[in-house]
Amino acid sequence: MLSDQERIALRDIEARMVADDPSWARAFDVTAARVARQRAHETAFHVVAAVVWTAMAVLMVVAGAPGPAVFFAALAGLSAWMIRRLGRPARTDTAAA
């Protein structure tokens, strides 16, 4: 954690850098937007995959095929885990500080 004095110094440095080169600061905004868009696409993919795997598992149960049903249920579980993992904020390593 930064002290109040260090936070003020950091904000001052950031303000000076933005004043010197505004395009440099905008590059970070563009990158953040791209990362957010990519994360949204990944989440959407895993949601669709989970729905498809769940439907396939139900279909296999109805068809009387327990092996494939377990396989598709496992894939649905994996997709659900990925959705949950993608929803978490990025982990920061505080042990290194």
PDB file of N, CA and C in Angstrom:
ATOM      1  N   MET A   1       0.829  -1.184   0.000  1.00  0.00           N
ATOM      2  CA  MET A   1       0.000   0.000   0.000  1.00  0.00           C
ATOM      3  C   MET A   1       0.874   1.248   0.000  1.00  0.00           C
ATOM      4  N   LEU A   2       0.396   2.221  -0.728  1.00  0.00           N
ATOM      5  CA  LEU A   2       1.116   3.484  -0.767  1.00  0.00           C
ATOM      6  C   LEU A   2       0.620   4.404   0.342  1.00  0.00           C
ATOM      7  N   SER A   3       1.522   5.190   0.863  1.00  0.00           N
ATOM      8  CA  SER A   3       1.126   6.192   1.853  1.00  0.00           C
ATOM      9  C   SER A   3       0.423   7.338   1.121  1.00  0.00           C
ATOM     10  N   ASP A   4      -0.211   8.212   1.887  1.00  0.00           N
ATOM     11  CA  ASP A   4      -0.908   9.353   1.279  1.00  0.00           C
ATOM     12  C   ASP A   4       0.060  10.231   0.493  1.00  0.00           C
ATOM     13  N   GLN A   5       1.240  10.434   1.044  1.00  0.00           N
ATOM     14  CA  GLN A   5       2.246  11.259   0.369  1.00  0.00           C
ATOM     15  C   GLN A   5       2.682  10.618  -0.949  1.00  0.00           C
ATOM     16  N   GLU A   6       2.873   9.305  -0.954  1.00  0.00           N
ATOM     17  CA  GLU A   6       3.273   8.607  -2.173  1.00  0.00           C
ATOM     18  C   GLU A   6       2.158   8.644  -3.216  1.00  0.00           C
ATOM     19  N   ARG A   7       0.898   8.511  -2.768  1.00  0.00           N
ATOM     20  CA  ARG A   7      -0.236   8.579  -3.687  1.00  0.00           C
ATOM     21  C   ARG A   7      -0.316   9.944  -4.352  1.00  0.00           C
ATOM     22  N   ILE A   8      -0.099  10.986  -3.575  1.00  0.00           N
ATOM     23  CA  ILE A   8      -0.121  12.351  -4.125  1.00  0.00           C
ATOM     24  C   ILE A   8       0.998  12.521  -5.138  1.00  0.00           C
ATOM     25  N   ALA A   9       2.186  12.026  -4.809  1.00  0.00           N
ATOM     26  CA  ALA A   9       3.319  12.112  -5.739  1.00  0.00           C
ATOM     27  C   ALA A   9       3.026  11.343  -7.025  1.00  0.00           C
ATOM     28  N   LEU A  10       2.404  10.168  -6.904  1.00  0.00           N
ATOM     29  CA  LEU A  10       2.073   9.367  -8.080  1.00  0.00           C
ATOM     30  C   LEU A  10       1.057  10.088  -8.961  1.00  0.00           C
ATOM     31  N   ARG A  11       0.029  10.670  -8.357  1.00  0.00           N
ATOM     32  CA  ARG A  11      -0.958  11.425  -9.141  1.00  0.00           C
ATOM     33  C   ARG A  11      -0.309  12.611  -9.842  1.00  0.00           C
ATOM     34  N   ASP A  12       0.642  13.258  -9.171  1.00  0.00           N
ATOM     35  CA  ASP A  12       1.344  14.392  -9.775  1.00  0.00           C
ATOM     36  C   ASP A  12       2.153  13.938 -10.984  1.00  0.00           C
ATOM     37  N   ILE A  13       2.852  12.834 -10.851  1.00  0.00           N
ATOM     38  CA  ILE A  13       3.646  12.296 -11.964  1.00  0.00           C
ATOM     39  C   ILE A  13       2.730  11.927 -13.124  1.00  0.00           C
ATOM     40  N   GLU A  14       1.597  11.253 -12.819  1.00  0.00           N
ATOM     41  CA  GLU A  14       0.657  10.875 -13.871  1.00  0.00           C
ATOM     42  C   GLU A  14       0.119  12.106 -14.592  1.00  0.00           C
ATOM     43  N   ALA A  15      -0.231  13.146 -13.834  1.00  0.00           N
ATOM     44  CA  ALA A  15      -0.773  14.369 -14.441  1.00  0.00           C
ATOM     45  C   ALA A  15       0.258  15.021 -15.352  1.00  0.00           C
ATOM     46  N   ARG A  16       1.519  15.040 -14.924  1.00  0.00           N
ATOM     47  CA  ARG A  16       2.566  15.631 -15.767  1.00  0.00           C
ATOM     48  C   ARG A  16       2.784  14.815 -17.036  1.00  0.00           C
ATOM     49  N   MET A  17       2.735  13.497 -16.928  1.00  0.00           N
ATOM     50  CA  MET A  17       2.934  12.652 -18.108  1.00  0.00           C
ATOM     51  C   MET A  17       1.793  12.831 -19.103  1.00  0.00           C
ATOM     52  N   VAL A  18       0.556  12.930 -18.594  1.00  0.00           N
ATOM     53  CA  VAL A  18      -0.588  13.143 -19.478  1.00  0.00           C
ATOM     54  C   VAL A  18      -0.487  14.513 -20.138  1.00  0.00           C
ATOM     55  N   ALA A  19      -0.054  15.508 -19.394  1.00  0.00           N
ATOM     56  CA  ALA A  19       0.085  16.858 -19.962  1.00  0.00           C
ATOM     57  C   ALA A  19       1.171  16.887 -21.031  1.00  0.00           C
ATOM     58  N   ASP A  20       2.254  16.139 -20.832  1.00  0.00           N
ATOM     59  CA  ASP A  20       3.349  16.118 -21.806  1.00  0.00           C
ATOM     60  C   ASP A  20       2.972  15.380 -23.085  1.00  0.00           C
ATOM     61  N   ASP A  21       2.245  14.261 -22.950  1.00  0.00           N
ATOM     62  CA  ASP A  21       1.920  13.444 -24.124  1.00  0.00           C
ATOM     63  C   ASP A  21       0.547  12.804 -23.938  1.00  0.00           C
ATOM     64  N   PRO A  22      -0.521  13.495 -24.347  1.00  0.00           N
ATOM     65  CA  PRO A  22      -1.876  12.956 -24.171  1.00  0.00           C
ATOM     66  C   PRO A  22      -2.109  11.652 -24.938  1.00  0.00           C
ATOM     67  N   SER A  23      -1.461  11.471 -26.069  1.00  0.00           N
ATOM     68  CA  SER A  23      -1.661  10.243 -26.850  1.00  0.00           C
ATOM     69  C   SER A  23      -1.120   9.027 -26.106  1.00  0.00           C
ATOM     70  N   TRP A  24      -0.104   9.237 -25.307  1.00  0.00           N
ATOM     71  CA  TRP A  24       0.456   8.137 -24.517  1.00  0.00           C
ATOM     72  C   TRP A  24      -0.579   7.636 -23.514  1.00  0.00           C
ATOM     73  N   ALA A  25      -1.286   8.548 -22.868  1.00  0.00           N
ATOM     74  CA  ALA A  25      -2.312   8.171 -21.894  1.00  0.00           C
ATOM     75  C   ALA A  25      -3.498   7.505 -22.586  1.00  0.00           C
ATOM     76  N   ARG A  26      -3.867   7.990 -23.777  1.00  0.00           N
ATOM     77  CA  ARG A  26      -4.977   7.388 -24.518  1.00  0.00           C
ATOM     78  C   ARG A  26      -4.667   5.961 -24.935  1.00  0.00           C
ATOM     79  N   ALA A  27      -3.402   5.646 -25.137  1.00  0.00           N
ATOM     80  CA  ALA A  27      -3.026   4.283 -25.522  1.00  0.00           C
ATOM     81  C   ALA A  27      -3.435   3.280 -24.443  1.00  0.00           C
ATOM     82  N   PHE A  28      -3.362   3.679 -23.194  1.00  0.00           N
ATOM     83  CA  PHE A  28      -3.774   2.802 -22.108  1.00  0.00           C
ATOM     84  C   PHE A  28      -5.291   2.604 -22.105  1.00  0.00           C
ATOM     85  N   ASP A  29      -6.041   3.673 -22.418  1.00  0.00           N
ATOM     86  CA  ASP A  29      -7.501   3.561 -22.480  1.00  0.00           C
ATOM     87  C   ASP A  29      -7.919   2.610 -23.595  1.00  0.00           C
ATOM     88  N   VAL A  30      -7.253   2.692 -24.739  1.00  0.00           N
ATOM     89  CA  VAL A  30      -7.564   1.817 -25.873  1.00  0.00           C
ATOM     90  C   VAL A  30      -7.260   0.376 -25.518  1.00  0.00           C
ATOM     91  N   THR A  31      -6.135   0.145 -24.868  1.00  0.00           N
ATOM     92  CA  THR A  31      -5.769  -1.217 -24.467  1.00  0.00           C
ATOM     93  C   THR A  31      -6.753  -1.769 -23.450  1.00  0.00           C
ATOM     94  N   ALA A  32      -7.161  -0.970 -22.495  1.00  0.00           N
ATOM     95  CA  ALA A  32      -8.122  -1.418 -21.482  1.00  0.00           C
ATOM     96  C   ALA A  32      -9.457  -1.770 -22.129  1.00  0.00           C
ATOM     97  N   ALA A  33      -9.888  -0.979 -23.096  1.00  0.00           N
ATOM     98  CA  ALA A  33     -11.146  -1.264 -23.786  1.00  0.00           C
ATOM     99  C   ALA A  33     -11.038  -2.565 -24.578  1.00  0.00           C
ATOM    100  N   ARG A  34      -9.895  -2.786 -25.223  1.00  0.00           N
ATOM    101  CA  ARG A  34      -9.695  -4.018 -25.993  1.00  0.00           C
ATOM    102  C   ARG A  34      -9.707  -5.241 -25.085  1.00  0.00           C
ATOM    103  N   VAL A  35      -9.075  -5.138 -23.935  1.00  0.00           N
ATOM    104  CA  VAL A  35      -9.045  -6.252 -22.982  1.00  0.00           C
ATOM    105  C   VAL A  35     -10.451  -6.540 -22.460  1.00  0.00           C
ATOM    106  N   ALA A  36     -11.212  -5.499 -22.155  1.00  0.00           N
ATOM    107  CA  ALA A  36     -12.582  -5.688 -21.664  1.00  0.00           C
ATOM    108  C   ALA A  36     -13.453  -6.345 -22.734  1.00  0.00           C
ATOM    109  N   ARG A  37     -13.292  -5.922 -23.981  1.00  0.00           N
ATOM    110  CA  ARG A  37     -14.043  -6.510 -25.089  1.00  0.00           C
ATOM    111  C   ARG A  37     -13.688  -7.982 -25.271  1.00  0.00           C
ATOM    112  N   GLN A  38     -12.403  -8.299 -25.187  1.00  0.00           N
ATOM    113  CA  GLN A  38     -11.955  -9.678 -25.336  1.00  0.00           C
ATOM    114  C   GLN A  38     -12.508 -10.543 -24.202  1.00  0.00           C
ATOM    115  N   ARG A  39     -12.501 -10.027 -23.006  1.00  0.00           N
ATOM    116  CA  ARG A  39     -13.027 -10.767 -21.855  1.00  0.00           C
ATOM    117  C   ARG A  39     -14.523 -11.022 -22.016  1.00  0.00           C
ATOM    118  N   ALA A  40     -15.264 -10.042 -22.534  1.00  0.00           N
ATOM    119  CA  ALA A  40     -16.699 -10.212 -22.769  1.00  0.00           C
ATOM    120  C   ALA A  40     -16.952 -11.293 -23.823  1.00  0.00           C
ATOM    121  N   HIS A  41     -16.137 -11.317 -24.874  1.00  0.00           N
ATOM    122  CA  HIS A  41     -16.284 -12.349 -25.903  1.00  0.00           C
ATOM    123  C   HIS A  41     -15.976 -13.730 -25.343  1.00  0.00           C
ATOM    124  N   GLU A  42     -14.951 -13.837 -24.525  1.00  0.00           N
ATOM    125  CA  GLU A  42     -14.616 -15.127 -23.918  1.00  0.00           C
ATOM    126  C   GLU A  42     -15.745 -15.609 -23.020  1.00  0.00           C
ATOM    127  N   THR A  43     -16.322 -14.719 -22.233  1.00  0.00           N
ATOM    128  CA  THR A  43     -17.422 -15.089 -21.350  1.00  0.00           C
ATOM    129  C   THR A  43     -18.626 -15.541 -22.168  1.00  0.00           C
ATOM    130  N   ALA A  44     -18.952 -14.805 -23.227  1.00  0.00           N
ATOM    131  CA  ALA A  44     -20.081 -15.182 -24.080  1.00  0.00           C
ATOM    132  C   ALA A  44     -19.860 -16.561 -24.698  1.00  0.00           C
ATOM    133  N   PHE A  45     -18.642 -16.831 -25.158  1.00  0.00           N
ATOM    134  CA  PHE A  45     -18.330 -18.133 -25.731  1.00  0.00           C
ATOM    135  C   PHE A  45     -18.572 -19.240 -24.714  1.00  0.00           C
ATOM    136  N   HIS A  46     -18.109 -19.051 -23.489  1.00  0.00           N
ATOM    137  CA  HIS A  46     -18.252 -20.089 -22.471  1.00  0.00           C
ATOM    138  C   HIS A  46     -19.708 -20.258 -22.034  1.00  0.00           C
ATOM    139  N   VAL A  47     -20.497 -19.196 -22.045  1.00  0.00           N
ATOM    140  CA  VAL A  47     -21.920 -19.312 -21.722  1.00  0.00           C
ATOM    141  C   VAL A  47     -22.621 -20.157 -22.785  1.00  0.00           C
ATOM    142  N   VAL A  48     -22.364 -19.858 -24.044  1.00  0.00           N
ATOM    143  CA  VAL A  48     -22.965 -20.635 -25.135  1.00  0.00           C
ATOM    144  C   VAL A  48     -22.507 -22.088 -25.048  1.00  0.00           C
ATOM    145  N   ALA A  49     -21.234 -22.303 -24.807  1.00  0.00           N
ATOM    146  CA  ALA A  49     -20.711 -23.666 -24.702  1.00  0.00           C
ATOM    147  C   ALA A  49     -21.370 -24.415 -23.550  1.00  0.00           C
ATOM    148  N   ALA A  50     -21.551 -23.763 -22.403  1.00  0.00           N
ATOM    149  CA  ALA A  50     -22.178 -24.421 -21.254  1.00  0.00           C
ATOM    150  C   ALA A  50     -23.613 -24.824 -21.575  1.00  0.00           C
ATOM    151  N   VAL A  51     -24.339 -23.963 -22.281  1.00  0.00           N
ATOM    152  CA  VAL A  51     -25.715 -24.290 -22.665  1.00  0.00           C
ATOM    153  C   VAL A  51     -25.731 -25.485 -23.620  1.00  0.00           C
ATOM    154  N   VAL A  52     -24.835 -25.485 -24.598  1.00  0.00           N
ATOM    155  CA  VAL A  52     -24.782 -26.583 -25.562  1.00  0.00           C
ATOM    156  C   VAL A  52     -24.399 -27.886 -24.863  1.00  0.00           C
ATOM    157  N   TRP A  53     -23.382 -27.842 -24.008  1.00  0.00           N
ATOM    158  CA  TRP A  53     -22.953 -29.070 -23.319  1.00  0.00           C
ATOM    159  C   TRP A  53     -24.053 -29.598 -22.410  1.00  0.00           C
ATOM    160  N   THR A  54     -24.773 -28.695 -21.734  1.00  0.00           N
ATOM    161  CA  THR A  54     -25.865 -29.120 -20.864  1.00  0.00           C
ATOM    162  C   THR A  54     -26.977 -29.774 -21.685  1.00  0.00           C
ATOM    163  N   ALA A  55     -27.320 -29.172 -22.810  1.00  0.00           N
ATOM    164  CA  ALA A  55     -28.349 -29.757 -23.683  1.00  0.00           C
ATOM    165  C   ALA A  55     -27.918 -31.125 -24.198  1.00  0.00           C
ATOM    166  N   MET A  56     -26.653 -31.255 -24.547  1.00  0.00           N
ATOM    167  CA  MET A  56     -26.148 -32.545 -25.025  1.00  0.00           C
ATOM    168  C   MET A  56     -26.182 -33.586 -23.911  1.00  0.00           C
ATOM    169  N   ALA A  57     -25.841 -33.186 -22.683  1.00  0.00           N
ATOM    170  CA  ALA A  57     -25.880 -34.122 -21.558  1.00  0.00           C
ATOM    171  C   ALA A  57     -27.304 -34.606 -21.313  1.00  0.00           C
ATOM    172  N   VAL A  58     -28.274 -33.694 -21.353  1.00  0.00           N
ATOM    173  CA  VAL A  58     -29.675 -34.081 -21.169  1.00  0.00           C
ATOM    174  C   VAL A  58     -30.112 -35.004 -22.295  1.00  0.00           C
ATOM    175  N   LEU A  59     -29.738 -34.688 -23.505  1.00  0.00           N
ATOM    176  CA  LEU A  59     -30.075 -35.525 -24.654  1.00  0.00           C
ATOM    177  C   LEU A  59     -29.493 -36.928 -24.493  1.00  0.00           C
ATOM    178  N   MET A  60     -28.273 -37.030 -24.011  1.00  0.00           N
ATOM    179  CA  MET A  60     -27.654 -38.341 -23.818  1.00  0.00           C
ATOM    180  C   MET A  60     -28.336 -39.135 -22.700  1.00  0.00           C
ATOM    181  N   VAL A  61     -28.793 -38.439 -21.660  1.00  0.00           N
ATOM    182  CA  VAL A  61     -29.528 -39.123 -20.589  1.00  0.00           C
ATOM    183  C   VAL A  61     -30.836 -39.671 -21.145  1.00  0.00           C
ATOM    184  N   VAL A  62     -31.544 -38.851 -21.926  1.00  0.00           N
ATOM    185  CA  VAL A  62     -32.803 -39.291 -22.534  1.00  0.00           C
ATOM    186  C   VAL A  62     -32.564 -40.452 -23.493  1.00  0.00           C
ATOM    187  N   ALA A  63     -31.453 -40.426 -24.196  1.00  0.00           N
ATOM    188  CA  ALA A  63     -31.132 -41.492 -25.144  1.00  0.00           C
ATOM    189  C   ALA A  63     -30.624 -42.747 -24.444  1.00  0.00           C
ATOM    190  N   GLY A  64     -30.348 -42.660 -23.161  1.00  0.00           N
ATOM    191  CA  GLY A  64     -29.883 -43.824 -22.418  1.00  0.00           C
ATOM    192  C   GLY A  64     -28.409 -44.108 -22.595  1.00  0.00           C
ATOM    193  N   ALA A  65     -27.624 -43.081 -22.808  1.00  0.00           N
ATOM    194  CA  ALA A  65     -26.177 -43.235 -22.987  1.00  0.00           C
ATOM    195  C   ALA A  65     -25.474 -42.533 -21.823  1.00  0.00           C
ATOM    196  N   PRO A  66     -25.207 -43.249 -20.732  1.00  0.00           N
ATOM    197  CA  PRO A  66     -24.634 -42.587 -19.553  1.00  0.00           C
ATOM    198  C   PRO A  66     -23.196 -42.115 -19.742  1.00  0.00           C
ATOM    199  N   GLY A  67     -22.398 -42.817 -20.526  1.00  0.00           N
ATOM    200  CA  GLY A  67     -21.006 -42.404 -20.736  1.00  0.00           C
ATOM    201  C   GLY A  67     -20.896 -41.032 -21.380  1.00  0.00           C
ATOM    202  N   PRO A  68     -21.519 -40.862 -22.564  1.00  0.00           N
ATOM    203  CA  PRO A  68     -21.485 -39.527 -23.172  1.00  0.00           C
ATOM    204  C   PRO A  68     -22.170 -38.455 -22.324  1.00  0.00           C
ATOM    205  N   ALA A  69     -23.203 -38.849 -21.553  1.00  0.00           N
ATOM    206  CA  ALA A  69     -23.889 -37.876 -20.694  1.00  0.00           C
ATOM    207  C   ALA A  69     -22.930 -37.335 -19.644  1.00  0.00           C
ATOM    208  N   VAL A  70     -22.135 -38.206 -19.051  1.00  0.00           N
ATOM    209  CA  VAL A  70     -21.158 -37.768 -18.052  1.00  0.00           C
ATOM    210  C   VAL A  70     -20.096 -36.882 -18.708  1.00  0.00           C
ATOM    211  N   PHE A  71     -19.668 -37.256 -19.898  1.00  0.00           N
ATOM    212  CA  PHE A  71     -18.669 -36.468 -20.624  1.00  0.00           C
ATOM    213  C   PHE A  71     -19.184 -35.050 -20.876  1.00  0.00           C
ATOM    214  N   PHE A  72     -20.409 -34.936 -21.414  1.00  0.00           N
ATOM    215  CA  PHE A  72     -20.960 -33.613 -21.708  1.00  0.00           C
ATOM    216  C   PHE A  72     -21.243 -32.831 -20.425  1.00  0.00           C
ATOM    217  N   ALA A  73     -21.640 -33.525 -19.366  1.00  0.00           N
ATOM    218  CA  ALA A  73     -21.849 -32.848 -18.083  1.00  0.00           C
ATOM    219  C   ALA A  73     -20.528 -32.294 -17.550  1.00  0.00           C
ATOM    220  N   ALA A  74     -19.440 -33.060 -17.744  1.00  0.00           N
ATOM    221  CA  ALA A  74     -18.122 -32.573 -17.321  1.00  0.00           C
ATOM    222  C   ALA A  74     -17.716 -31.341 -18.123  1.00  0.00           C
ATOM    223  N   LEU A  75     -17.992 -31.362 -19.423  1.00  0.00           N
ATOM    224  CA  LEU A  75     -17.683 -30.184 -20.244  1.00  0.00           C
ATOM    225  C   LEU A  75     -18.512 -28.973 -19.811  1.00  0.00           C
ATOM    226  N   ALA A  76     -19.789 -29.205 -19.465  1.00  0.00           N
ATOM    227  CA  ALA A  76     -20.641 -28.109 -18.985  1.00  0.00           C
ATOM    228  C   ALA A  76     -20.088 -27.551 -17.673  1.00  0.00           C
ATOM    229  N   GLY A  77     -19.630 -28.444 -16.800  1.00  0.00           N
ATOM    230  CA  GLY A  77     -19.036 -27.996 -15.546  1.00  0.00           C
ATOM    231  C   GLY A  77     -17.769 -27.195 -15.768  1.00  0.00           C
ATOM    232  N   LEU A  78     -16.947 -27.644 -16.709  1.00  0.00           N
ATOM    233  CA  LEU A  78     -15.723 -26.912 -17.039  1.00  0.00           C
ATOM    234  C   LEU A  78     -16.044 -25.524 -17.585  1.00  0.00           C
ATOM    235  N   SER A  79     -17.043 -25.454 -18.446  1.00  0.00           N
ATOM    236  CA  SER A  79     -17.440 -24.146 -18.984  1.00  0.00           C
ATOM    237  C   SER A  79     -17.982 -23.232 -17.884  1.00  0.00           C
ATOM    238  N   ALA A  80     -18.760 -23.802 -16.963  1.00  0.00           N
ATOM    239  CA  ALA A  80     -19.282 -22.999 -15.841  1.00  0.00           C
ATOM    240  C   ALA A  80     -18.134 -22.488 -14.971  1.00  0.00           C
ATOM    241  N   TRP A  81     -17.133 -23.329 -14.748  1.00  0.00           N
ATOM    242  CA  TRP A  81     -15.962 -22.906 -13.977  1.00  0.00           C
ATOM    243  C   TRP A  81     -15.231 -21.769 -14.683  1.00  0.00           C
ATOM    244  N   MET A  82     -15.103 -21.876 -16.008  1.00  0.00           N
ATOM    245  CA  MET A  82     -14.430 -20.815 -16.769  1.00  0.00           C
ATOM    246  C   MET A  82     -15.214 -19.503 -16.706  1.00  0.00           C
ATOM    247  N   ILE A  83     -16.553 -19.597 -16.758  1.00  0.00           N
ATOM    248  CA  ILE A  83     -17.376 -18.389 -16.664  1.00  0.00           C
ATOM    249  C   ILE A  83     -17.133 -17.716 -15.317  1.00  0.00           C
ATOM    250  N   ARG A  84     -17.121 -18.517 -14.276  1.00  0.00           N
ATOM    251  CA  ARG A  84     -16.894 -17.969 -12.936  1.00  0.00           C
ATOM    252  C   ARG A  84     -15.489 -17.375 -12.817  1.00  0.00           C
ATOM    253  N   ARG A  85     -14.513 -18.050 -13.391  1.00  0.00           N
ATOM    254  CA  ARG A  85     -13.128 -17.569 -13.326  1.00  0.00           C
ATOM    255  C   ARG A  85     -12.957 -16.264 -14.108  1.00  0.00           C
ATOM    256  N   LEU A  86     -13.605 -16.160 -15.272  1.00  0.00           N
ATOM    257  CA  LEU A  86     -13.508 -14.941 -16.066  1.00  0.00           C
ATOM    258  C   LEU A  86     -14.229 -13.773 -15.396  1.00  0.00           C
ATOM    259  N   GLY A  87     -15.196 -14.065 -14.542  1.00  0.00           N
ATOM    260  CA  GLY A  87     -15.928 -13.000 -13.852  1.00  0.00           C
ATOM    261  C   GLY A  87     -15.167 -12.391 -12.706  1.00  0.00           C
ATOM    262  N   ARG A  88     -14.130 -13.070 -12.237  1.00  0.00           N
ATOM    263  CA  ARG A  88     -13.338 -12.541 -11.119  1.00  0.00           C
ATOM    264  C   ARG A  88     -12.407 -11.440 -11.594  1.00  0.00           C
ATOM    265  N   PRO A  89     -12.134 -10.487 -10.725  1.00  0.00           N
ATOM    266  CA  PRO A  89     -11.146  -9.466 -11.090  1.00  0.00           C
ATOM    267  C   PRO A  89      -9.760 -10.084 -11.185  1.00  0.00           C
ATOM    268  N   ALA A  90      -8.913  -9.443 -11.933  1.00  0.00           N
ATOM    269  CA  ALA A  90      -7.539  -9.948 -12.112  1.00  0.00           C
ATOM    270  C   ALA A  90      -6.824 -10.000 -10.769  1.00  0.00           C
ATOM    271  N   ARG A  91      -6.086 -11.064 -10.549  1.00  0.00           N
ATOM    272  CA  ARG A  91      -5.359 -11.251  -9.282  1.00  0.00           C
ATOM    273  C   ARG A  91      -4.099 -10.418  -9.296  1.00  0.00           C
ATOM    274  N   THR A  92      -3.863  -9.759  -8.193  1.00  0.00           N
ATOM    275  CA  THR A  92      -2.612  -9.017  -8.050  1.00  0.00           C
ATOM    276  C   THR A  92      -1.774  -9.734  -7.010  1.00  0.00           C
ATOM    277  N   ASP A  93      -0.512  -9.861  -7.279  1.00  0.00           N
ATOM    278  CA  ASP A  93       0.386 -10.585  -6.377  1.00  0.00           C
ATOM    279  C   ASP A  93       0.938  -9.599  -5.358  1.00  0.00           C
ATOM    280  N   THR A  94       0.425  -9.666  -4.129  1.00  0.00           N
ATOM    281  CA  THR A  94       0.887  -8.752  -3.074  1.00  0.00           C
ATOM    282  C   THR A  94       2.074  -9.321  -2.327  1.00  0.00           C
ATOM    283  N   ALA A  95       2.405 -10.596  -2.531  1.00  0.00           N
ATOM    284  CA  ALA A  95       3.538 -11.195  -1.823  1.00  0.00           C
ATOM    285  C   ALA A  95       4.871 -10.624  -2.316  1.00  0.00           C
ATOM    286  N   ALA A  96       4.906 -10.179  -3.563  1.00  0.00           N
ATOM    287  CA  ALA A  96       6.147  -9.660  -4.125  1.00  0.00           C
ATOM    288  C   ALA A  96       6.469  -8.268  -3.586  1.00  0.00           C
ATOM    289  N   ALA A  97       5.461  -7.557  -3.100  1.00  0.00           N
ATOM    290  CA  ALA A  97       5.685  -6.172  -2.638  1.00  0.00           C
ATOM    291  C   ALA A  97       6.384  -6.112  -1.314  1.00  0.00           C
TER     292      ALA A  97
END
